[in-house]
Amino acid sequence: MKRADSTHAHRRSEVFSRARRSLTKAARFCSRSQASLAYLPLPDWRATGAASDPGVAALAQFHIPLGGETFLSVGAATALVVVAIAFYVLHFTRFGRRVYAIGGSEQSALLMGLPVARTKITVYAVSGFCSALAGLVFVLYIQSGDPLHAIGMELDAIAAVVIGGTVLTGGSGYIIGSLLGVLVLGLIKTIISDEGTFSSWWIKIFTGVLLLLFILLQRVIGATGRQRAG
């Protein structure tokens, strides 16, 4: 028994030492890569940005006529297509029902035999794809390739979803509600911008206040529901 224990301990120490050496090599490789990237010349986004590309400019100015003077831009059409696909996937497919189940209770979803890990990885992949698509649409909107333009929009995205009725704890929410939240938030921004007497910081203040109010409202509704159920 002592010999077996010593053999297992020796093997365990060898595994740990190999892992430590691998991590050390990986850290050295990353540090060298970062050092080499630091000396690479950065492109001049102002000179070579999206605005200088005639294809991007033509696509940004392309409109889908709807009759009369009304039209849809490429960004609006893309958003509507994404909303339609998301509505169908979440409400009429197995994957959508798994997302709702995992959001409601991950432990219960595991006990039901649902592929929790695979579903979560797929959700993160879809989120990354939507973020990249939103970046492309935003490039068409501002006709520029500067990555610093969208800083601070995370609060707007969270506020729009919460205003639309999605519960931050998970398990409840609707795509149409999120769309209505985006429209409400956009209407508030338009009113503040057209007023002209308010600073641009008031938009963030109103967004934060709305987000706080709707989170408190969700807490009150959730507590009331638990009291009735109890």
Foldseek 3Di string as FASTA:
>chain_A
DVVVVVVVVVVVVVVVVVVVVVVVVVVVVVVVVVVVVVPDDDDDQVVVWQLVDVVLQVLLPDWADDDDPDTHHPLRVVVVVVLVVVQCPLPPHPLNVLQLVCLVPVVVSVVVVHPSVVSVVVVVVVVVVVVVVVLSSVCSVVVTDDPVPCPPCVLVQLLLQLQLPAQPSGNDGHSVSSVVSNVVLVVVQVVQVVVVPDDPVVSVVVSVVSSVVSNVVVVVVVVVVVVVVD
